[in-house]
Amino acid sequence: MTQFHRLQAFELDVLKEVGNIGAGNAATALSKLLDKPVDMAVPKVSLLPFEEVAELVGGSEQIVIAIFLRVEGEAPGNMFYIIQEQSVNRMLNQLLSIDHQEGEGYSEMELSALCEIGNILAGSYLSSLADFTRLPMFPSVPAVAHDMAGAILSYGLMQYGEMGDSALLIETQFQEDCHSLKGHFFLIPDPDSFRKIFQSLGVSSDD
């Protein structure tokens, strides 16, 4: 059992606060970008084993849009924002006012717009985590992929090598339509990064 599975209420509360602040910052940034009100529900924050990430978004063969990037700095890791196609289509139509028809492929403009939303979300959450921990952390340039969830996660492994065995999950919901505009944001730190994060907060990480 890893230290991550033995987190107590305090540590999880800290991560939840990071999620709450990040969601507020993301909503503000998206409102400015889109020049329209954007509200985000209070996110659900939880911890889960890395191997359960694909299952949570519908299984390894579920077709999804994913925005992914590398976290550099003192606590490196990987970030993924994964959205199922149904939510993607509604997000394009409702949030971005792009008339995307079911069953069509995604244009370069549509993928670019989705990538920018994912970039804002990732940057907001990462900035909140860096502020809390006072550890320098910054995102790489994001990439967007339209593929099976398992293939996207495997690509992350090939690109960046071994990931940690646990993930921080922040479920994001845009208020226009909570059920259909839900996405899953994952932070998967490198094996040693969670120890550094909690040490910076004065939390013991003894095995």
Foldseek 3Di string as FASTA:
>chain_A
DALVVVDDPVVQVLLLVLQQQLQVQLQVVLCVVQVHHWHKDSWDKDKDWPVCPLVVQPHQQQWWKKKKWWKDFDWTFIKIKIDHPQLLCCCCCPVVVHNDDPPDDDDPVSQVVVNVSVVSSVQSSVVSLCVQLVTDIDIDRMDMDTGGNNVVVVVVCVVPPDWAGMKMWIWMAIPVDRPSNIIIMITTIRNCRVCSSVVSNVHDRDD
